[in-house]
C-alpha atoms as a PDB file:
ATOM      1  CA  MET A   1     120.026 118.032  41.338  1.00  0.00           C
ATOM      2  CA  LEU A   2     119.930 119.453  37.813  1.00  0.00           C
ATOM      3  CA  ILE A   3     123.151 121.194  36.830  1.00  0.00           C
ATOM      4  CA  HIS A   4     122.163 123.344  33.876  1.00  0.00           C
ATOM      5  CA  GLY A   5     124.419 123.010  30.857  1.00  0.00           C
ATOM      6  CA  TYR A   6     126.385 125.954  29.587  1.00  0.00           C
ATOM      7  CA  HIS A   7     127.450 126.561  25.995  1.00  0.00           C
ATOM      8  CA  LEU A   8     130.957 125.144  25.639  1.00  0.00           C
ATOM      9  CA  GLY A   9     131.992 127.855  23.202  1.00  0.00           C
ATOM     10  CA  ALA A  10     130.985 130.696  25.510  1.00  0.00           C
ATOM     11  CA  GLU A  11     133.587 133.254  26.442  1.00  0.00           C
ATOM     12  CA  ALA A  12     135.004 132.545  29.910  1.00  0.00           C
ATOM     13  CA  TRP A  13     133.306 129.120  30.022  1.00  0.00           C
ATOM     14  CA  GLU A  14     135.671 127.871  32.735  1.00  0.00           C
ATOM     15  CA  ASN A  15     134.976 130.889  34.954  1.00  0.00           C
ATOM     16  CA  ILE A  16     131.241 130.269  34.726  1.00  0.00           C
ATOM     17  CA  ALA A  17     131.338 126.480  34.916  1.00  0.00           C
ATOM     18  CA  TRP A  18     134.116 126.168  37.517  1.00  0.00           C
ATOM     19  CA  GLY A  19     134.721 129.626  38.983  1.00  0.00           C
ATOM     20  CA  ALA A  20     137.490 130.026  41.549  1.00  0.00           C
ATOM     21  CA  PRO A  21     136.252 127.926  44.480  1.00  0.00           C
ATOM     22  CA  GLU A  22     139.563 128.361  46.279  1.00  0.00           C
ATOM     23  CA  ASN A  23     138.592 132.051  46.513  1.00  0.00           C
ATOM     24  CA  GLY A  24     134.962 131.395  47.389  1.00  0.00           C
ATOM     25  CA  VAL A  25     133.669 131.899  43.831  1.00  0.00           C
ATOM     26  CA  PHE A  26     131.797 128.748  42.860  1.00  0.00           C
ATOM     27  CA  GLY A  27     130.794 128.037  39.282  1.00  0.00           C
ATOM     28  CA  VAL A  28     127.847 125.797  38.481  1.00  0.00           C
ATOM     29  CA  ILE A  29     129.869 122.574  38.688  1.00  0.00           C
ATOM     30  CA  PRO A  30     131.333 122.932  42.196  1.00  0.00           C
ATOM     31  CA  ARG A  31     128.155 124.637  43.462  1.00  0.00           C
ATOM     32  CA  GLY A  32     125.939 121.860  42.103  1.00  0.00           C
ATOM     33  CA  VAL A  33     128.168 119.016  43.243  1.00  0.00           C
ATOM     34  CA  ALA A  34     128.630 120.516  46.722  1.00  0.00           C
ATOM     35  CA  LEU A  35     124.862 120.954  47.077  1.00  0.00           C
ATOM     36  CA  ALA A  36     124.236 117.423  45.801  1.00  0.00           C
ATOM     37  CA  ALA A  37     126.708 116.098  48.377  1.00  0.00           C
ATOM     38  CA  GLU A  38     125.196 118.182  51.173  1.00  0.00           C
ATOM     39  CA  LEU A  39     121.659 117.029  50.332  1.00  0.00           C
ATOM     40  CA  ASP A  40     122.747 113.459  49.558  1.00  0.00           C
ATOM     41  CA  ALA A  41     121.005 113.836  46.204  1.00  0.00           C
ATOM     42  CA  GLU A  42     119.585 110.711  44.662  1.00  0.00           C
ATOM     43  CA  ARG A  43     120.781 111.819  41.237  1.00  0.00           C
ATOM     44  CA  ILE A  44     122.844 114.530  39.609  1.00  0.00           C
ATOM     45  CA  LEU A  45     121.354 115.370  36.242  1.00  0.00           C
ATOM     46  CA  TRP A  46     123.861 116.957  33.894  1.00  0.00           C
ATOM     47  CA  GLY A  47     121.875 119.076  31.470  1.00  0.00           C
ATOM     48  CA  THR A  48     122.927 119.789  27.961  1.00  0.00           C
ATOM     49  CA  GLY A  49     122.242 122.036  25.026  1.00  0.00           C
ATOM     50  CA  ALA A  50     123.314 122.094  21.439  1.00  0.00           C
ATOM     51  CA  SER A  51     127.028 122.735  21.958  1.00  0.00           C
ATOM     52  CA  GLU A  52     129.835 120.187  21.815  1.00  0.00           C
ATOM     53  CA  ARG A  53     133.564 120.211  22.415  1.00  0.00           C
ATOM     54  CA  GLY A  54     135.582 117.505  20.717  1.00  0.00           C
ATOM     55  CA  GLY A  55     132.345 115.660  19.909  1.00  0.00           C
ATOM     56  CA  VAL A  56     131.285 115.645  23.584  1.00  0.00           C
ATOM     57  CA  LYS A  57     127.978 117.303  24.538  1.00  0.00           C
ATOM     58  CA  GLU A  58     127.738 119.881  27.343  1.00  0.00           C
ATOM     59  CA  GLY A  59     126.385 117.558  30.039  1.00  0.00           C
ATOM     60  CA  ALA A  60     128.950 114.831  29.420  1.00  0.00           C
ATOM     61  CA  TYR A  61     131.731 117.382  29.176  1.00  0.00           C
ATOM     62  CA  MET A  62     130.760 119.028  32.468  1.00  0.00           C
ATOM     63  CA  ARG A  63     130.513 115.685  34.273  1.00  0.00           C
ATOM     64  CA  ARG A  64     133.932 114.655  32.971  1.00  0.00           C
ATOM     65  CA  TYR A  65     135.318 118.037  34.019  1.00  0.00           C
ATOM     66  CA  ALA A  66     133.942 117.438  37.547  1.00  0.00           C
ATOM     67  CA  LEU A  67     135.434 113.935  37.704  1.00  0.00           C
ATOM     68  CA  GLU A  68     138.828 115.244  36.629  1.00  0.00           C
ATOM     69  CA  ARG A  69     138.662 117.708  39.521  1.00  0.00           C
ATOM     70  CA  ALA A  70     137.135 115.409  42.148  1.00  0.00           C
ATOM     71  CA  GLU A  71     140.039 116.093  44.498  1.00  0.00           C
ATOM     72  CA  ASP A  72     139.319 119.829  44.381  1.00  0.00           C
ATOM     73  CA  LEU A  73     135.597 119.204  44.813  1.00  0.00           C
ATOM     74  CA  GLY A  74     136.340 117.175  47.928  1.00  0.00           C
ATOM     75  CA  ARG A  75     138.035 120.221  49.443  1.00  0.00           C
ATOM     76  CA  PHE A  76     135.006 122.446  48.769  1.00  0.00           C
ATOM     77  CA  SER A  77     132.262 120.147  50.023  1.00  0.00           C
ATOM     78  CA  ALA A  78     131.233 118.290  53.142  1.00  0.00           C
ATOM     79  CA  ARG A  79     132.466 115.010  51.641  1.00  0.00           C
ATOM     80  CA  ASP A  80     135.939 113.734  50.918  1.00  0.00           C
ATOM     81  CA  THR A  81     137.321 113.097  47.451  1.00  0.00           C
ATOM     82  CA  ALA A  82     136.402 109.395  47.409  1.00  0.00           C
ATOM     83  CA  ALA A  83     132.789 110.176  48.325  1.00  0.00           C
ATOM     84  CA  ILE A  84     132.600 112.919  45.685  1.00  0.00           C
ATOM     85  CA  ARG A  85     134.008 110.592  43.030  1.00  0.00           C
ATOM     86  CA  GLU A  86     131.475 107.913  44.003  1.00  0.00           C
ATOM     87  CA  LEU A  87     128.650 110.465  43.879  1.00  0.00           C
ATOM     88  CA  LEU A  88     129.728 111.569  40.400  1.00  0.00           C
ATOM     89  CA  GLU A  89     130.238 108.030  39.086  1.00  0.00           C
ATOM     90  CA  LYS A  90     127.178 106.306  40.565  1.00  0.00           C
ATOM     91  CA  ARG A  91     124.528 108.999  40.738  1.00  0.00           C
ATOM     92  CA  SER A  92     125.149 111.014  37.588  1.00  0.00           C
ATOM     93  CA  VAL A  93     122.713 110.964  34.697  1.00  0.00           C
ATOM     94  CA  VAL A  94     123.961 112.741  31.600  1.00  0.00           C
ATOM     95  CA  ASP A  95     121.527 114.320  29.146  1.00  0.00           C
ATOM     96  CA  GLU A  96     122.840 114.129  25.608  1.00  0.00           C
ATOM     97  CA  SER A  97     119.660 114.798  23.669  1.00  0.00           C
ATOM     98  CA  THR A  98     118.125 118.139  24.602  1.00  0.00           C
ATOM     99  CA  GLN A  99     118.975 121.248  22.622  1.00  0.00           C
ATOM    100  CA  ASP A 100     117.821 124.154  24.796  1.00  0.00           C
ATOM    101  CA  THR A 101     116.718 125.213  28.260  1.00  0.00           C
ATOM    102  CA  ILE A 102     113.072 124.212  27.780  1.00  0.00           C
ATOM    103  CA  GLY A 103     114.047 120.716  26.684  1.00  0.00           C
ATOM    104  CA  GLU A 104     116.671 120.386  29.401  1.00  0.00           C
ATOM    105  CA  VAL A 105     114.394 121.418  32.278  1.00  0.00           C
ATOM    106  CA  SER A 106     111.489 119.410  30.856  1.00  0.00           C
ATOM    107  CA  ALA A 107     113.707 116.310  30.637  1.00  0.00           C
ATOM    108  CA  GLY A 108     114.856 116.864  34.222  1.00  0.00           C
ATOM    109  CA  LEU A 109     111.281 117.140  35.491  1.00  0.00           C
ATOM    110  CA  ALA A 110     110.241 114.079  33.485  1.00  0.00           C
ATOM    111  CA  PHE A 111     113.166 112.130  34.960  1.00  0.00           C
ATOM    112  CA  CYS A 112     111.945 113.046  38.439  1.00  0.00           C
ATOM    113  CA  LEU A 113     108.417 111.877  37.673  1.00  0.00           C
ATOM    114  CA  GLU A 114     109.633 108.602  36.176  1.00  0.00           C
ATOM    115  CA  ASN A 115     111.882 107.883  39.162  1.00  0.00           C
ATOM    116  CA  GLY A 116     109.704 108.991  42.056  1.00  0.00           C
ATOM    117  CA  ILE A 117     111.880 111.990  42.871  1.00  0.00           C
ATOM    118  CA  GLU A 118     109.749 114.666  44.503  1.00  0.00           C
ATOM    119  CA  ARG A 119     112.128 117.614  44.586  1.00  0.00           C
ATOM    120  CA  LEU A 120     114.479 118.993  41.961  1.00  0.00           C
ATOM    121  CA  TYR A 121     117.123 121.616  42.642  1.00  0.00           C
ATOM    122  CA  LEU A 122     118.267 123.588  39.612  1.00  0.00           C
ATOM    123  CA  VAL A 123     121.774 125.061  39.580  1.00  0.00           C
ATOM    124  CA  ALA A 124     122.408 127.494  36.754  1.00  0.00           C
ATOM    125  CA  ALA A 125     124.887 130.216  35.879  1.00  0.00           C
ATOM    126  CA  ALA A 126     123.809 133.694  36.978  1.00  0.00           C
ATOM    127  CA  SER A 127     123.297 134.655  33.342  1.00  0.00           C
ATOM    128  CA  HIS A 128     120.958 131.671  32.846  1.00  0.00           C
ATOM    129  CA  ALA A 129     119.235 131.521  36.224  1.00  0.00           C
ATOM    130  CA  PRO A 130     116.294 133.874  35.528  1.00  0.00           C
ATOM    131  CA  ARG A 131     115.447 132.164  32.240  1.00  0.00           C
ATOM    132  CA  SER A 132     115.914 128.712  33.751  1.00  0.00           C
ATOM    133  CA  LEU A 133     113.686 129.517  36.718  1.00  0.00           C
ATOM    134  CA  LYS A 134     111.014 131.076  34.494  1.00  0.00           C
ATOM    135  CA  THR A 135     111.105 127.966  32.293  1.00  0.00           C
ATOM    136  CA  ALA A 136     110.853 125.603  35.276  1.00  0.00           C
ATOM    137  CA  LEU A 137     107.922 127.508  36.776  1.00  0.00           C
ATOM    138  CA  ALA A 138     106.074 127.550  33.443  1.00  0.00           C
ATOM    139  CA  LEU A 139     106.637 123.816  32.947  1.00  0.00           C
ATOM    140  CA  LEU A 140     105.382 123.063  36.460  1.00  0.00           C
ATOM    141  CA  GLU A 141     102.079 124.653  35.477  1.00  0.00           C
ATOM    142  CA  GLU A 142     101.615 121.949  32.841  1.00  0.00           C
ATOM    143  CA  GLU A 143      99.326 119.150  33.958  1.00  0.00           C
ATOM    144  CA  ARG A 144     101.926 116.462  33.246  1.00  0.00           C
ATOM    145  CA  PHE A 145     104.163 117.929  35.956  1.00  0.00           C
ATOM    146  CA  ALA A 146     101.404 118.606  38.495  1.00  0.00           C
ATOM    147  CA  PRO A 147     102.703 115.900  40.886  1.00  0.00           C
ATOM    148  CA  LEU A 148     105.946 117.868  41.278  1.00  0.00           C
ATOM    149  CA  ARG A 149     104.314 121.122  42.333  1.00  0.00           C
ATOM    150  CA  ARG A 150     105.241 122.187  45.839  1.00  0.00           C
ATOM    151  CA  ARG A 151     102.405 121.750  48.243  1.00  0.00           C
END
């Protein structure tokens, strides 16, 4: 599961990253974590870009935000709070080096190749989804990522 980072200085960041799950509006964090729990994802990759808040990069900030709200996430997923916390603590991989969508998706695909993961789900904000998907599809055409192409 790759949860695409979102610029921490963006207007309405919390609405995009978190949403209002209690009202059925899931931001990228609860949507990605719930899907990771449902699929029993091997890893949750927290993507990042160039932004920081308080010296913390996007991916690390979003993971911490999820951990702080693990109780809420437990209410919106098929797993309880303890299982969500364990998923976030033990299966998270935080990207702190990429600077843009191309780097973030490329790093996620490379991680999959290096770790024998055959399928990657990408969760992105609606405003980023088309660009993220286009980037992922273009990268999958590169020979280095050929093993990850869907058969």
